[in-house]
Amino acid sequence: MFARFFDVVTTHYQLTFTRIDKGPPPSLVGQLRIGYPSAADAGEAARRIRAGLLAPTLAAPAELATAFRRMKVELDGLDVVADFDAATFEGLSLEVLEGWVARVAAATATTAP
């Protein structure tokens, strides 16, 4: 999945939420850990995440790229670790995200073998 996001082959990923509170105010804290086959691949993916460089083929909304740029990104061996909280996603509405996911899903369904 994340190989499609950043055009770098992945070996695994783990999404962990360490806190989710309805609020008020709502709170969300978590971590995304993505594994890569080589240190060079991990470094390239970290660079792309920090810069918010999502794969052009995804036609992702600018708000999603901004959210990735806001993540605290570190390398841990062959893994990229990206920490996030609710502020990371400010400006990215659920409607925009749902619309984008629907477009990607539709495109994937029509191009699947």
C-alpha atoms as a PDB file:
ATOM      1  CA  MET A   1       0.000   0.000   0.000  1.00  0.00           C
ATOM      2  CA  PHE A   2       2.628   2.596   0.986  1.00  0.00           C
ATOM      3  CA  ALA A   3       4.790   1.628  -1.996  1.00  0.00           C
ATOM      4  CA  ARG A   4       2.062   3.272  -4.098  1.00  0.00           C
ATOM      5  CA  PHE A   5       2.126   6.396  -1.934  1.00  0.00           C
ATOM      6  CA  PHE A   6       5.837   7.197  -2.323  1.00  0.00           C
ATOM      7  CA  ASP A   7       6.977   5.096  -5.329  1.00  0.00           C
ATOM      8  CA  VAL A   8       9.402   3.095  -3.140  1.00  0.00           C
ATOM      9  CA  VAL A   9       8.980  -0.677  -2.650  1.00  0.00           C
ATOM     10  CA  THR A  10       8.034  -1.633   0.925  1.00  0.00           C
ATOM     11  CA  THR A  11       8.402  -4.846   2.915  1.00  0.00           C
ATOM     12  CA  HIS A  12       5.812  -4.167   5.638  1.00  0.00           C
ATOM     13  CA  TYR A  13       3.956  -1.461   7.488  1.00  0.00           C
ATOM     14  CA  GLN A  14       2.369  -1.000  10.896  1.00  0.00           C
ATOM     15  CA  LEU A  15      -0.104   1.712  11.898  1.00  0.00           C
ATOM     16  CA  THR A  16      -0.458   2.193  15.657  1.00  0.00           C
ATOM     17  CA  PHE A  17      -2.757   4.552  17.527  1.00  0.00           C
ATOM     18  CA  THR A  18      -1.504   5.273  21.037  1.00  0.00           C
ATOM     19  CA  ARG A  19      -4.363   7.608  21.928  1.00  0.00           C
ATOM     20  CA  ILE A  20      -7.794   8.343  20.513  1.00  0.00           C
ATOM     21  CA  ASP A  21     -10.117  10.612  22.513  1.00  0.00           C
ATOM     22  CA  LYS A  22     -13.448  12.042  21.382  1.00  0.00           C
ATOM     23  CA  GLY A  23     -12.759  15.163  23.409  1.00  0.00           C
ATOM     24  CA  PRO A  24     -13.559  17.937  23.500  1.00  0.00           C
ATOM     25  CA  PRO A  25     -11.203  18.665  21.961  1.00  0.00           C
ATOM     26  CA  PRO A  26     -10.710  15.421  20.035  1.00  0.00           C
ATOM     27  CA  SER A  27      -7.249  13.927  20.310  1.00  0.00           C
ATOM     28  CA  LEU A  28      -5.364  11.467  18.154  1.00  0.00           C
ATOM     29  CA  VAL A  29      -1.772  10.295  18.544  1.00  0.00           C
ATOM     30  CA  GLY A  30      -0.122   7.544  16.558  1.00  0.00           C
ATOM     31  CA  GLN A  31       2.794   6.192  14.610  1.00  0.00           C
ATOM     32  CA  LEU A  32       3.291   4.793  11.137  1.00  0.00           C
ATOM     33  CA  ARG A  33       6.223   2.379  10.673  1.00  0.00           C
ATOM     34  CA  ILE A  34       7.074   1.386   7.102  1.00  0.00           C
ATOM     35  CA  GLY A  35       9.787  -1.163   6.257  1.00  0.00           C
ATOM     36  CA  TYR A  36      11.988  -1.066   3.168  1.00  0.00           C
ATOM     37  CA  PRO A  37      14.340  -3.617   1.577  1.00  0.00           C
ATOM     38  CA  SER A  38      17.416  -1.373   1.805  1.00  0.00           C
ATOM     39  CA  ALA A  39      18.750   1.633   3.691  1.00  0.00           C
ATOM     40  CA  ALA A  40      18.778   3.594   0.430  1.00  0.00           C
ATOM     41  CA  ASP A  41      15.083   2.860  -0.121  1.00  0.00           C
ATOM     42  CA  ALA A  42      14.253   3.847   3.462  1.00  0.00           C
ATOM     43  CA  GLY A  43      16.220   7.074   3.092  1.00  0.00           C
ATOM     44  CA  GLU A  44      14.479   7.946  -0.162  1.00  0.00           C
ATOM     45  CA  ALA A  45      11.041   7.241   1.314  1.00  0.00           C
ATOM     46  CA  ALA A  46      11.841   9.373   4.395  1.00  0.00           C
ATOM     47  CA  ARG A  47      12.908  12.225   2.109  1.00  0.00           C
ATOM     48  CA  ARG A  48       9.685  11.971   0.114  1.00  0.00           C
ATOM     49  CA  ILE A  49       7.499  11.829   3.231  1.00  0.00           C
ATOM     50  CA  ARG A  50       9.242  14.867   4.769  1.00  0.00           C
ATOM     51  CA  ALA A  51       8.722  16.773   1.513  1.00  0.00           C
ATOM     52  CA  GLY A  52       5.124  15.588   1.080  1.00  0.00           C
ATOM     53  CA  LEU A  53       6.023  14.077  -2.299  1.00  0.00           C
ATOM     54  CA  LEU A  54       3.233  11.612  -2.919  1.00  0.00           C
ATOM     55  CA  ALA A  55       3.270   9.579  -6.130  1.00  0.00           C
ATOM     56  CA  PRO A  56       1.875  11.711  -8.982  1.00  0.00           C
ATOM     57  CA  THR A  57      -0.237   8.773 -10.194  1.00  0.00           C
ATOM     58  CA  LEU A  58      -2.302   9.003  -6.984  1.00  0.00           C
ATOM     59  CA  ALA A  59      -3.402  12.587  -7.689  1.00  0.00           C
ATOM     60  CA  ALA A  60      -3.625  13.046  -3.916  1.00  0.00           C
ATOM     61  CA  PRO A  61      -5.144  16.215  -2.496  1.00  0.00           C
ATOM     62  CA  ALA A  62      -2.649  18.880  -1.431  1.00  0.00           C
ATOM     63  CA  GLU A  63      -4.002  18.620   2.126  1.00  0.00           C
ATOM     64  CA  LEU A  64      -2.798  14.997   2.327  1.00  0.00           C
ATOM     65  CA  ALA A  65       0.695  15.944   1.169  1.00  0.00           C
ATOM     66  CA  THR A  66       0.708  18.682   3.810  1.00  0.00           C
ATOM     67  CA  ALA A  67      -0.276  16.150   6.470  1.00  0.00           C
ATOM     68  CA  PHE A  68       2.688  13.919   5.565  1.00  0.00           C
ATOM     69  CA  ARG A  69       5.033  16.941   5.677  1.00  0.00           C
ATOM     70  CA  ARG A  70       3.843  17.659   9.220  1.00  0.00           C
ATOM     71  CA  MET A  71       4.771  14.182  10.481  1.00  0.00           C
ATOM     72  CA  LYS A  72       7.901  13.734  12.573  1.00  0.00           C
ATOM     73  CA  VAL A  73       9.922  11.347  10.386  1.00  0.00           C
ATOM     74  CA  GLU A  74      12.929   9.327  11.544  1.00  0.00           C
ATOM     75  CA  LEU A  75      14.914   6.379  10.226  1.00  0.00           C
ATOM     76  CA  ASP A  76      15.204   3.233  12.359  1.00  0.00           C
ATOM     77  CA  GLY A  77      17.375   0.803  10.422  1.00  0.00           C
ATOM     78  CA  LEU A  78      15.382  -0.222   7.356  1.00  0.00           C
ATOM     79  CA  ASP A  79      12.186   1.327   8.764  1.00  0.00           C
ATOM     80  CA  VAL A  80      10.801   4.826   8.403  1.00  0.00           C
ATOM     81  CA  VAL A  81       8.949   5.881  11.546  1.00  0.00           C
ATOM     82  CA  ALA A  82       6.447   8.736  11.208  1.00  0.00           C
ATOM     83  CA  ASP A  83       4.756  10.114  14.326  1.00  0.00           C
ATOM     84  CA  PHE A  84       1.529  12.082  14.039  1.00  0.00           C
ATOM     85  CA  ASP A  85      -1.207  13.691  16.087  1.00  0.00           C
ATOM     86  CA  ALA A  86      -4.510  15.423  15.389  1.00  0.00           C
ATOM     87  CA  ALA A  87      -2.744  18.649  14.367  1.00  0.00           C
ATOM     88  CA  THR A  88      -0.997  16.723  11.578  1.00  0.00           C
ATOM     89  CA  PHE A  89      -4.296  16.422   9.735  1.00  0.00           C
ATOM     90  CA  GLU A  90      -5.649  19.954  10.243  1.00  0.00           C
ATOM     91  CA  GLY A  91      -7.150  21.193   7.002  1.00  0.00           C
ATOM     92  CA  LEU A  92      -7.771  17.686   5.632  1.00  0.00           C
ATOM     93  CA  SER A  93     -11.518  17.176   5.761  1.00  0.00           C
ATOM     94  CA  LEU A  94     -13.141  13.776   5.858  1.00  0.00           C
ATOM     95  CA  GLU A  95     -15.063  14.652   2.696  1.00  0.00           C
ATOM     96  CA  VAL A  96     -11.874  15.407   0.753  1.00  0.00           C
ATOM     97  CA  LEU A  97     -10.225  12.207   2.015  1.00  0.00           C
ATOM     98  CA  GLU A  98     -13.280  10.045   1.234  1.00  0.00           C
ATOM     99  CA  GLY A  99     -13.560  11.502  -2.278  1.00  0.00           C
ATOM    100  CA  TRP A 100      -9.904  10.820  -2.987  1.00  0.00           C
ATOM    101  CA  VAL A 101     -10.074   7.244  -1.625  1.00  0.00           C
ATOM    102  CA  ALA A 102     -13.142   6.574  -3.787  1.00  0.00           C
ATOM    103  CA  ARG A 103     -11.329   7.843  -6.911  1.00  0.00           C
ATOM    104  CA  VAL A 104      -8.233   5.697  -6.164  1.00  0.00           C
ATOM    105  CA  ALA A 105     -10.397   2.630  -5.472  1.00  0.00           C
ATOM    106  CA  ALA A 106     -12.331   3.115  -8.707  1.00  0.00           C
ATOM    107  CA  ALA A 107      -9.139   3.541 -10.730  1.00  0.00           C
ATOM    108  CA  THR A 108      -7.611   0.451  -9.110  1.00  0.00           C
ATOM    109  CA  ALA A 109     -10.725  -1.606  -9.821  1.00  0.00           C
ATOM    110  CA  THR A 110     -10.669  -0.697 -13.511  1.00  0.00           C
ATOM    111  CA  THR A 111      -6.936  -1.419 -13.928  1.00  0.00           C
ATOM    112  CA  ALA A 112      -6.715  -4.638 -11.862  1.00  0.00           C
ATOM    113  CA  PRO A 113      -5.870  -7.778 -13.874  1.00  0.00           C
END
